[in-house]
N, C-alpha and C. Protein backbone atom coordinates (compact mmCIF):
# COMPACT_ATOMS: atom_id res chain seq x y z
N UNK A 1 80.15 95.24 82.72
CA UNK A 1 80.80 93.96 82.48
C UNK A 1 82.30 94.11 82.27
N UNK A 2 82.69 95.21 81.64
CA UNK A 2 84.11 95.42 81.38
C UNK A 2 84.92 95.47 82.68
N UNK A 3 84.39 96.16 83.68
CA UNK A 3 85.08 96.25 84.97
C UNK A 3 85.18 94.89 85.63
N UNK A 4 84.09 94.13 85.58
CA UNK A 4 84.11 92.77 86.14
C UNK A 4 85.13 91.89 85.43
N UNK A 5 85.24 92.06 84.12
CA UNK A 5 86.22 91.29 83.36
C UNK A 5 87.64 91.67 83.81
N UNK A 6 87.91 92.97 83.93
CA UNK A 6 89.23 93.42 84.36
C UNK A 6 89.56 92.87 85.76
N UNK A 7 88.59 92.91 86.64
CA UNK A 7 88.80 92.38 88.00
C UNK A 7 89.08 90.89 87.93
N UNK A 8 88.31 90.16 87.14
CA UNK A 8 88.50 88.72 87.00
C UNK A 8 89.87 88.37 86.45
N UNK A 9 90.30 89.10 85.43
CA UNK A 9 91.61 88.84 84.81
C UNK A 9 92.72 89.12 85.82
N UNK A 10 92.65 90.23 86.53
CA UNK A 10 93.67 90.55 87.53
C UNK A 10 93.66 89.53 88.67
N UNK A 11 92.48 89.11 89.09
CA UNK A 11 92.39 88.15 90.18
C UNK A 11 92.94 86.79 89.76
N UNK A 12 92.72 86.41 88.51
CA UNK A 12 93.29 85.17 87.99
C UNK A 12 94.81 85.23 88.07
N UNK A 13 95.38 86.40 87.82
CA UNK A 13 96.83 86.58 87.94
C UNK A 13 97.27 86.47 89.39
N UNK A 14 96.47 86.99 90.31
CA UNK A 14 96.76 86.84 91.75
C UNK A 14 96.84 85.36 92.08
N UNK A 15 95.85 84.61 91.65
CA UNK A 15 95.78 83.17 91.95
C UNK A 15 97.00 82.45 91.38
N UNK A 16 97.36 82.73 90.14
CA UNK A 16 98.51 82.07 89.52
C UNK A 16 99.80 82.42 90.25
N UNK A 17 100.01 83.69 90.52
CA UNK A 17 101.25 84.11 91.20
C UNK A 17 101.31 83.55 92.61
N UNK A 18 100.18 83.56 93.31
CA UNK A 18 100.14 83.01 94.67
C UNK A 18 100.48 81.51 94.65
N UNK A 19 99.87 80.80 93.71
CA UNK A 19 100.14 79.36 93.57
C UNK A 19 101.62 79.12 93.26
N UNK A 20 102.18 79.90 92.34
CA UNK A 20 103.59 79.76 91.99
C UNK A 20 104.50 80.09 93.16
N UNK A 21 104.13 81.08 93.94
CA UNK A 21 104.92 81.45 95.12
C UNK A 21 104.91 80.31 96.13
N UNK A 22 103.75 79.76 96.34
CA UNK A 22 103.60 78.65 97.29
C UNK A 22 104.43 77.44 96.84
N UNK A 23 104.37 77.14 95.56
CA UNK A 23 105.12 76.02 95.00
C UNK A 23 106.63 76.24 95.11
N UNK A 24 107.09 77.42 94.72
CA UNK A 24 108.52 77.73 94.79
C UNK A 24 109.01 77.69 96.24
N UNK A 25 108.19 78.20 97.15
CA UNK A 25 108.57 78.19 98.57
C UNK A 25 108.68 76.76 99.08
N UNK A 26 107.73 75.91 98.69
CA UNK A 26 107.76 74.50 99.12
C UNK A 26 108.99 73.78 98.58
N UNK A 27 109.49 74.23 97.43
CA UNK A 27 110.68 73.62 96.82
C UNK A 27 111.98 74.27 97.32
N UNK A 28 111.85 75.23 98.24
CA UNK A 28 113.03 75.86 98.81
C UNK A 28 113.63 76.98 97.97
N UNK A 29 112.91 77.43 96.97
CA UNK A 29 113.40 78.50 96.09
C UNK A 29 112.82 79.84 96.58
N UNK A 30 113.46 80.41 97.58
CA UNK A 30 112.95 81.62 98.22
C UNK A 30 112.89 82.82 97.29
N UNK A 31 113.87 82.97 96.42
CA UNK A 31 113.88 84.13 95.53
C UNK A 31 112.72 84.08 94.53
N UNK A 32 112.45 82.91 93.98
CA UNK A 32 111.31 82.79 93.07
C UNK A 32 110.00 82.97 93.83
N UNK A 33 109.93 82.43 95.03
CA UNK A 33 108.72 82.59 95.86
C UNK A 33 108.50 84.07 96.16
N UNK A 34 109.57 84.78 96.49
CA UNK A 34 109.50 86.23 96.75
C UNK A 34 109.00 86.97 95.51
N UNK A 35 109.60 86.69 94.37
CA UNK A 35 109.22 87.35 93.12
C UNK A 35 107.74 87.11 92.80
N UNK A 36 107.31 85.88 92.91
CA UNK A 36 105.90 85.56 92.62
C UNK A 36 104.95 86.23 93.62
N UNK A 37 105.36 86.32 94.88
CA UNK A 37 104.51 86.97 95.88
C UNK A 37 104.41 88.48 95.62
N UNK A 38 105.52 89.10 95.22
CA UNK A 38 105.46 90.53 94.85
C UNK A 38 104.47 90.71 93.70
N UNK A 39 104.53 89.83 92.71
CA UNK A 39 103.59 89.91 91.58
C UNK A 39 102.15 89.69 92.04
N UNK A 40 101.93 88.72 92.93
CA UNK A 40 100.58 88.47 93.45
C UNK A 40 100.04 89.71 94.15
N UNK A 41 100.85 90.33 94.96
CA UNK A 41 100.42 91.54 95.68
C UNK A 41 100.16 92.70 94.72
N UNK A 42 100.97 92.82 93.70
CA UNK A 42 100.77 93.86 92.68
C UNK A 42 99.39 93.69 92.02
N UNK A 43 99.09 92.47 91.59
CA UNK A 43 97.80 92.22 90.94
C UNK A 43 96.65 92.34 91.94
N UNK A 44 96.90 91.97 93.18
CA UNK A 44 95.89 92.14 94.23
C UNK A 44 95.59 93.63 94.44
N UNK A 45 96.63 94.44 94.40
CA UNK A 45 96.43 95.89 94.48
C UNK A 45 95.61 96.40 93.31
N UNK A 46 95.89 95.88 92.11
CA UNK A 46 95.10 96.27 90.93
C UNK A 46 93.63 95.88 91.10
N UNK A 47 93.37 94.70 91.64
CA UNK A 47 91.99 94.26 91.89
C UNK A 47 91.30 95.25 92.81
N UNK A 48 91.98 95.61 93.87
CA UNK A 48 91.42 96.55 94.84
C UNK A 48 91.09 97.89 94.21
N UNK A 49 92.00 98.39 93.40
CA UNK A 49 91.77 99.67 92.74
C UNK A 49 90.58 99.59 91.78
N UNK A 50 90.52 98.52 91.01
CA UNK A 50 89.40 98.35 90.08
C UNK A 50 88.08 98.23 90.83
N UNK A 51 88.09 97.55 91.97
CA UNK A 51 86.87 97.45 92.80
C UNK A 51 86.42 98.82 93.29
N UNK A 52 87.37 99.74 93.43
CA UNK A 52 87.07 101.10 93.87
C UNK A 52 86.90 102.07 92.69
N UNK A 53 86.65 101.51 91.50
CA UNK A 53 86.45 102.30 90.27
C UNK A 53 87.64 103.18 89.91
N UNK A 54 88.84 102.71 90.21
CA UNK A 54 90.06 103.41 89.84
C UNK A 54 90.84 102.57 88.85
N UNK A 55 91.50 103.22 87.92
CA UNK A 55 92.37 102.52 86.98
C UNK A 55 93.79 102.57 87.54
N UNK A 56 94.43 101.41 87.68
CA UNK A 56 95.82 101.41 88.16
C UNK A 56 96.71 102.19 87.21
N UNK A 57 97.63 102.99 87.78
CA UNK A 57 98.57 103.71 86.93
C UNK A 57 100.00 103.33 87.31
N UNK A 58 100.95 104.06 86.81
CA UNK A 58 102.36 103.75 87.01
C UNK A 58 102.73 103.72 88.49
N UNK A 59 102.18 104.62 89.26
CA UNK A 59 102.46 104.71 90.70
C UNK A 59 101.44 103.89 91.49
N UNK A 60 101.32 102.63 91.15
CA UNK A 60 100.26 101.79 91.70
C UNK A 60 100.34 101.67 93.23
N UNK A 61 101.54 101.63 93.79
CA UNK A 61 101.63 101.43 95.24
C UNK A 61 101.16 102.65 96.02
N UNK A 62 101.31 103.85 95.45
CA UNK A 62 100.74 105.04 96.10
C UNK A 62 99.21 104.96 96.06
N UNK A 63 98.67 104.50 94.95
CA UNK A 63 97.21 104.33 94.85
C UNK A 63 96.73 103.26 95.84
N UNK A 64 97.45 102.15 95.91
CA UNK A 64 97.06 101.06 96.80
C UNK A 64 97.15 101.52 98.25
N UNK A 65 98.20 102.24 98.58
CA UNK A 65 98.36 102.75 99.95
C UNK A 65 97.14 103.58 100.36
N UNK A 66 96.62 104.38 99.45
CA UNK A 66 95.49 105.24 99.75
C UNK A 66 94.15 104.50 99.73
N UNK A 67 94.08 103.35 99.05
CA UNK A 67 92.78 102.69 98.86
C UNK A 67 92.67 101.29 99.44
N UNK A 68 93.78 100.63 99.69
CA UNK A 68 93.76 99.27 100.25
C UNK A 68 95.01 99.12 101.12
N UNK A 69 94.93 99.71 102.30
CA UNK A 69 96.10 99.75 103.18
C UNK A 69 96.56 98.35 103.59
N UNK A 70 95.63 97.42 103.69
CA UNK A 70 95.98 96.04 104.06
C UNK A 70 96.95 95.42 103.05
N UNK A 71 96.63 95.52 101.77
CA UNK A 71 97.51 94.98 100.73
C UNK A 71 98.83 95.74 100.71
N UNK A 72 98.78 97.04 100.88
CA UNK A 72 100.00 97.84 100.93
C UNK A 72 100.90 97.37 102.08
N UNK A 73 100.33 97.13 103.25
CA UNK A 73 101.12 96.69 104.40
C UNK A 73 101.73 95.31 104.15
N UNK A 74 101.00 94.43 103.50
CA UNK A 74 101.55 93.12 103.16
C UNK A 74 102.76 93.29 102.24
N UNK A 75 102.64 94.18 101.26
CA UNK A 75 103.73 94.44 100.33
C UNK A 75 104.96 94.99 101.07
N UNK A 76 104.74 95.97 101.92
CA UNK A 76 105.85 96.58 102.67
C UNK A 76 106.51 95.54 103.57
N UNK A 77 105.70 94.72 104.22
CA UNK A 77 106.26 93.67 105.09
C UNK A 77 107.10 92.69 104.29
N UNK A 78 106.64 92.34 103.10
CA UNK A 78 107.39 91.40 102.27
C UNK A 78 108.73 91.99 101.82
N UNK A 79 108.71 93.22 101.34
CA UNK A 79 109.96 93.76 100.77
C UNK A 79 110.91 94.33 101.80
N UNK A 80 110.40 94.75 102.97
CA UNK A 80 111.32 95.41 103.91
C UNK A 80 111.20 94.91 105.34
N UNK A 81 110.50 93.79 105.54
CA UNK A 81 110.39 93.24 106.90
C UNK A 81 111.76 92.83 107.44
N UNK A 82 111.85 92.76 108.75
CA UNK A 82 113.14 92.45 109.38
C UNK A 82 113.40 90.95 109.51
N UNK A 83 112.38 90.12 109.39
CA UNK A 83 112.59 88.68 109.47
C UNK A 83 113.36 88.21 108.25
N UNK A 84 113.92 87.01 108.36
CA UNK A 84 114.61 86.49 107.18
C UNK A 84 113.57 86.19 106.10
N UNK A 85 114.04 86.12 104.86
CA UNK A 85 113.16 86.03 103.70
C UNK A 85 112.18 84.86 103.78
N UNK A 86 112.64 83.69 104.15
CA UNK A 86 111.74 82.52 104.18
C UNK A 86 110.62 82.73 105.19
N UNK A 87 110.91 83.37 106.31
CA UNK A 87 109.89 83.63 107.33
C UNK A 87 108.87 84.65 106.82
N UNK A 88 109.35 85.69 106.12
CA UNK A 88 108.43 86.68 105.54
C UNK A 88 107.50 86.03 104.53
N UNK A 89 108.06 85.14 103.72
CA UNK A 89 107.24 84.46 102.72
C UNK A 89 106.21 83.57 103.42
N UNK A 90 106.63 82.83 104.46
CA UNK A 90 105.69 82.02 105.25
C UNK A 90 104.51 82.87 105.72
N UNK A 91 104.83 84.00 106.32
CA UNK A 91 103.79 84.88 106.87
C UNK A 91 102.88 85.43 105.78
N UNK A 92 103.47 85.82 104.66
CA UNK A 92 102.68 86.39 103.56
C UNK A 92 101.78 85.34 102.91
N UNK A 93 102.26 84.12 102.80
CA UNK A 93 101.42 83.07 102.22
C UNK A 93 100.16 82.86 103.06
N UNK A 94 100.31 82.90 104.37
CA UNK A 94 99.16 82.73 105.26
C UNK A 94 98.24 83.94 105.19
N UNK A 95 98.82 85.13 105.33
CA UNK A 95 98.01 86.35 105.33
C UNK A 95 97.30 86.56 103.99
N UNK A 96 98.01 86.30 102.91
CA UNK A 96 97.43 86.53 101.59
C UNK A 96 96.30 85.56 101.28
N UNK A 97 96.36 84.38 101.83
CA UNK A 97 95.27 83.40 101.66
C UNK A 97 93.94 83.99 102.13
N UNK A 98 93.96 84.67 103.28
CA UNK A 98 92.73 85.28 103.81
C UNK A 98 92.23 86.41 102.92
N UNK A 99 93.14 87.22 102.42
CA UNK A 99 92.76 88.32 101.54
C UNK A 99 92.15 87.77 100.25
N UNK A 100 92.77 86.75 99.70
CA UNK A 100 92.26 86.13 98.47
C UNK A 100 90.87 85.56 98.69
N UNK A 101 90.68 84.88 99.80
CA UNK A 101 89.38 84.23 100.06
C UNK A 101 88.26 85.26 100.23
N UNK A 102 88.57 86.41 100.75
CA UNK A 102 87.54 87.46 100.90
C UNK A 102 87.08 87.97 99.54
N UNK A 103 87.92 87.88 98.53
CA UNK A 103 87.59 88.46 97.23
C UNK A 103 87.10 87.44 96.20
N UNK A 104 87.16 86.18 96.50
CA UNK A 104 86.93 85.16 95.47
C UNK A 104 85.55 85.27 94.82
N UNK A 105 84.51 85.52 95.58
CA UNK A 105 83.15 85.60 95.00
C UNK A 105 83.01 86.79 94.07
N UNK A 106 83.41 87.96 94.55
CA UNK A 106 83.25 89.16 93.72
C UNK A 106 84.20 89.15 92.52
N UNK A 107 85.39 88.60 92.69
CA UNK A 107 86.37 88.61 91.60
C UNK A 107 86.07 87.56 90.53
N UNK A 108 85.17 86.65 90.82
CA UNK A 108 84.84 85.61 89.83
C UNK A 108 83.48 85.85 89.17
N UNK A 109 82.89 87.02 89.38
CA UNK A 109 81.57 87.32 88.78
C UNK A 109 81.56 87.21 87.26
N UNK A 110 82.62 87.66 86.63
CA UNK A 110 82.67 87.65 85.16
C UNK A 110 82.57 86.22 84.62
N UNK A 111 83.41 85.34 85.12
CA UNK A 111 83.39 83.96 84.63
C UNK A 111 82.09 83.26 85.03
N UNK A 112 81.57 83.58 86.21
CA UNK A 112 80.31 82.99 86.64
C UNK A 112 79.15 83.43 85.74
N UNK A 113 79.16 84.70 85.34
CA UNK A 113 78.07 85.18 84.49
C UNK A 113 78.11 84.52 83.12
N UNK A 114 79.31 84.31 82.59
CA UNK A 114 79.45 83.64 81.29
C UNK A 114 78.96 82.20 81.40
N UNK A 115 79.40 81.52 82.43
CA UNK A 115 79.00 80.12 82.60
C UNK A 115 77.51 79.99 82.86
N UNK A 116 76.96 80.88 83.67
CA UNK A 116 75.54 80.82 84.02
C UNK A 116 74.63 81.16 82.86
N UNK A 117 75.06 82.09 82.02
CA UNK A 117 74.23 82.53 80.89
C UNK A 117 74.04 81.42 79.86
N UNK A 118 75.00 80.53 79.76
CA UNK A 118 74.93 79.47 78.75
C UNK A 118 73.91 78.40 79.13
N UNK A 119 73.77 78.17 80.42
CA UNK A 119 72.78 77.20 80.87
C UNK A 119 73.12 75.75 80.57
N UNK A 120 74.37 75.41 80.40
CA UNK A 120 74.76 74.02 80.18
C UNK A 120 76.05 73.72 80.92
N UNK A 121 76.40 72.45 80.94
CA UNK A 121 77.64 72.03 81.57
C UNK A 121 78.80 72.29 80.60
N UNK A 122 79.87 72.83 81.12
CA UNK A 122 81.03 73.19 80.32
C UNK A 122 82.14 72.16 80.47
N UNK A 123 82.91 71.98 79.43
CA UNK A 123 84.18 71.27 79.55
C UNK A 123 85.24 72.35 79.77
N UNK A 124 86.40 71.94 80.26
CA UNK A 124 87.48 72.93 80.40
C UNK A 124 87.87 73.47 79.03
N UNK A 125 87.82 72.61 78.04
CA UNK A 125 88.17 73.03 76.69
C UNK A 125 87.22 74.12 76.19
N UNK A 126 85.90 73.94 76.44
CA UNK A 126 84.92 74.96 76.05
C UNK A 126 85.25 76.30 76.70
N UNK A 127 85.58 76.25 77.98
CA UNK A 127 85.90 77.48 78.70
C UNK A 127 87.18 78.13 78.17
N UNK A 128 88.18 77.30 77.93
CA UNK A 128 89.46 77.84 77.45
C UNK A 128 89.34 78.46 76.06
N UNK A 129 88.36 77.99 75.28
CA UNK A 129 88.17 78.51 73.92
C UNK A 129 87.13 79.62 73.82
N UNK A 130 86.41 79.89 74.90
CA UNK A 130 85.36 80.92 74.86
C UNK A 130 86.00 82.29 74.60
N UNK A 131 85.45 83.05 73.63
CA UNK A 131 86.08 84.33 73.26
C UNK A 131 86.17 85.34 74.42
N UNK A 132 85.18 85.37 75.29
CA UNK A 132 85.20 86.31 76.41
C UNK A 132 86.23 85.92 77.47
N UNK A 133 86.64 84.67 77.46
CA UNK A 133 87.60 84.22 78.46
C UNK A 133 89.03 84.20 77.94
N UNK A 134 89.21 84.59 76.68
CA UNK A 134 90.55 84.65 76.11
C UNK A 134 91.43 85.69 76.83
N UNK A 135 90.79 86.66 77.45
CA UNK A 135 91.52 87.70 78.18
C UNK A 135 92.31 87.13 79.35
N UNK A 136 91.88 85.99 79.86
CA UNK A 136 92.54 85.38 81.01
C UNK A 136 93.85 84.68 80.60
N UNK A 137 93.99 84.40 79.34
CA UNK A 137 95.18 83.78 78.76
C UNK A 137 95.63 82.56 79.56
N UNK A 138 96.90 82.51 79.89
CA UNK A 138 97.47 81.33 80.54
C UNK A 138 97.04 81.17 82.00
N UNK A 139 96.39 82.18 82.57
CA UNK A 139 95.95 82.10 83.97
C UNK A 139 94.61 81.38 84.12
N UNK A 140 93.90 81.17 83.02
CA UNK A 140 92.54 80.63 83.12
C UNK A 140 92.51 79.23 83.74
N UNK A 141 93.41 78.37 83.35
CA UNK A 141 93.39 77.00 83.88
C UNK A 141 93.60 76.99 85.40
N UNK A 142 94.58 77.76 85.89
CA UNK A 142 94.80 77.87 87.33
C UNK A 142 93.58 78.47 88.03
N UNK A 143 93.00 79.48 87.40
CA UNK A 143 91.83 80.14 87.98
C UNK A 143 90.66 79.17 88.08
N UNK A 144 90.43 78.41 87.02
CA UNK A 144 89.34 77.42 87.04
C UNK A 144 89.57 76.37 88.14
N UNK A 145 90.79 75.87 88.24
CA UNK A 145 91.11 74.89 89.29
C UNK A 145 90.88 75.48 90.67
N UNK A 146 91.28 76.72 90.85
CA UNK A 146 91.08 77.41 92.13
C UNK A 146 89.59 77.55 92.45
N UNK A 147 88.80 77.99 91.46
CA UNK A 147 87.36 78.18 91.68
C UNK A 147 86.66 76.85 91.94
N UNK A 148 87.11 75.79 91.32
CA UNK A 148 86.56 74.46 91.58
C UNK A 148 86.92 74.03 93.00
N UNK A 149 88.18 74.23 93.37
CA UNK A 149 88.65 73.87 94.71
C UNK A 149 87.89 74.63 95.79
N UNK A 150 87.56 75.89 95.54
CA UNK A 150 86.85 76.73 96.52
C UNK A 150 85.33 76.60 96.38
N UNK A 151 84.89 75.71 95.51
CA UNK A 151 83.49 75.39 95.29
C UNK A 151 82.66 76.58 94.80
N UNK A 152 83.31 77.48 94.07
CA UNK A 152 82.61 78.57 93.40
C UNK A 152 82.02 78.04 92.10
N UNK A 153 82.77 77.15 91.48
CA UNK A 153 82.32 76.42 90.29
C UNK A 153 82.18 74.96 90.69
N UNK A 154 81.10 74.35 90.23
CA UNK A 154 80.87 72.94 90.56
C UNK A 154 81.46 72.03 89.49
N UNK A 155 82.00 70.93 89.96
CA UNK A 155 82.57 69.92 89.08
C UNK A 155 81.64 68.72 89.11
N UNK A 156 81.23 68.25 87.92
CA UNK A 156 80.31 67.12 87.81
C UNK A 156 80.99 66.01 87.02
N UNK A 157 81.10 64.84 87.63
CA UNK A 157 81.66 63.68 86.93
C UNK A 157 80.53 63.02 86.15
N UNK A 158 80.64 63.05 84.82
CA UNK A 158 79.61 62.45 83.98
C UNK A 158 79.80 60.95 83.88
N UNK A 159 80.98 60.55 83.54
CA UNK A 159 81.27 59.14 83.32
C UNK A 159 82.76 59.00 83.09
N UNK A 160 83.18 57.80 82.99
CA UNK A 160 84.58 57.56 82.62
C UNK A 160 84.60 57.13 81.16
N UNK A 161 85.57 57.63 80.45
CA UNK A 161 85.69 57.24 79.05
C UNK A 161 86.17 55.79 78.97
N UNK A 162 86.26 55.27 77.77
CA UNK A 162 86.69 53.88 77.58
C UNK A 162 88.07 53.62 78.14
N UNK A 163 88.94 54.63 78.13
CA UNK A 163 90.29 54.43 78.65
C UNK A 163 90.39 54.74 80.15
N UNK A 164 89.26 54.94 80.80
CA UNK A 164 89.24 55.14 82.25
C UNK A 164 89.47 56.56 82.72
N UNK A 165 89.61 57.51 81.81
CA UNK A 165 89.83 58.90 82.18
C UNK A 165 88.49 59.52 82.59
N UNK A 166 88.43 60.17 83.76
CA UNK A 166 87.16 60.78 84.18
C UNK A 166 86.74 61.91 83.23
N UNK A 167 85.46 62.00 82.99
CA UNK A 167 84.88 63.02 82.10
C UNK A 167 84.14 64.03 82.97
N UNK A 168 84.80 65.17 83.26
CA UNK A 168 84.22 66.19 84.11
C UNK A 168 83.58 67.30 83.29
N UNK A 169 82.51 67.87 83.85
CA UNK A 169 81.87 69.06 83.30
C UNK A 169 81.75 70.04 84.47
N UNK A 170 81.56 71.32 84.11
CA UNK A 170 81.58 72.38 85.11
C UNK A 170 80.39 73.31 84.94
N UNK A 171 79.89 73.80 86.08
CA UNK A 171 78.77 74.73 86.07
C UNK A 171 78.85 75.62 87.32
N UNK A 172 78.03 76.67 87.32
CA UNK A 172 77.98 77.54 88.50
C UNK A 172 76.80 77.17 89.36
């Protein structure tokens, strides 16, 4: 379970950084988009290493190069590609989407096991306060939204409150 938790936490960071890169790029802030994409690739490399039963160390890119050449090539293309920066970010956003989608099921096992073991519908607040999910810190909300969007976690509308706000619950 510990390894699954580490993978989940790192993958949640991938999702947050990828989302932030996409947002910054859409707003025309290429440097922030670049920075966030480098971070997304770094955490993606960590996910890959953990999936291969390796602990990331200081020389993470040498480890990634030996164990996940695809992520390494994306990183190299981003930092040293010959296209202008906005074009490299465009390409990386597209390519990284595919890499992320391939890992979403395995990288979300930890949160799925917690949600499934409880056997009830969760509120976001319940999830955010769960002791095992505290490791995800500020990335948990983005991760939950991503998993709902990708239909890994189901969203159930129970009813609308008196003030018209939808009351959602979540399950696997």
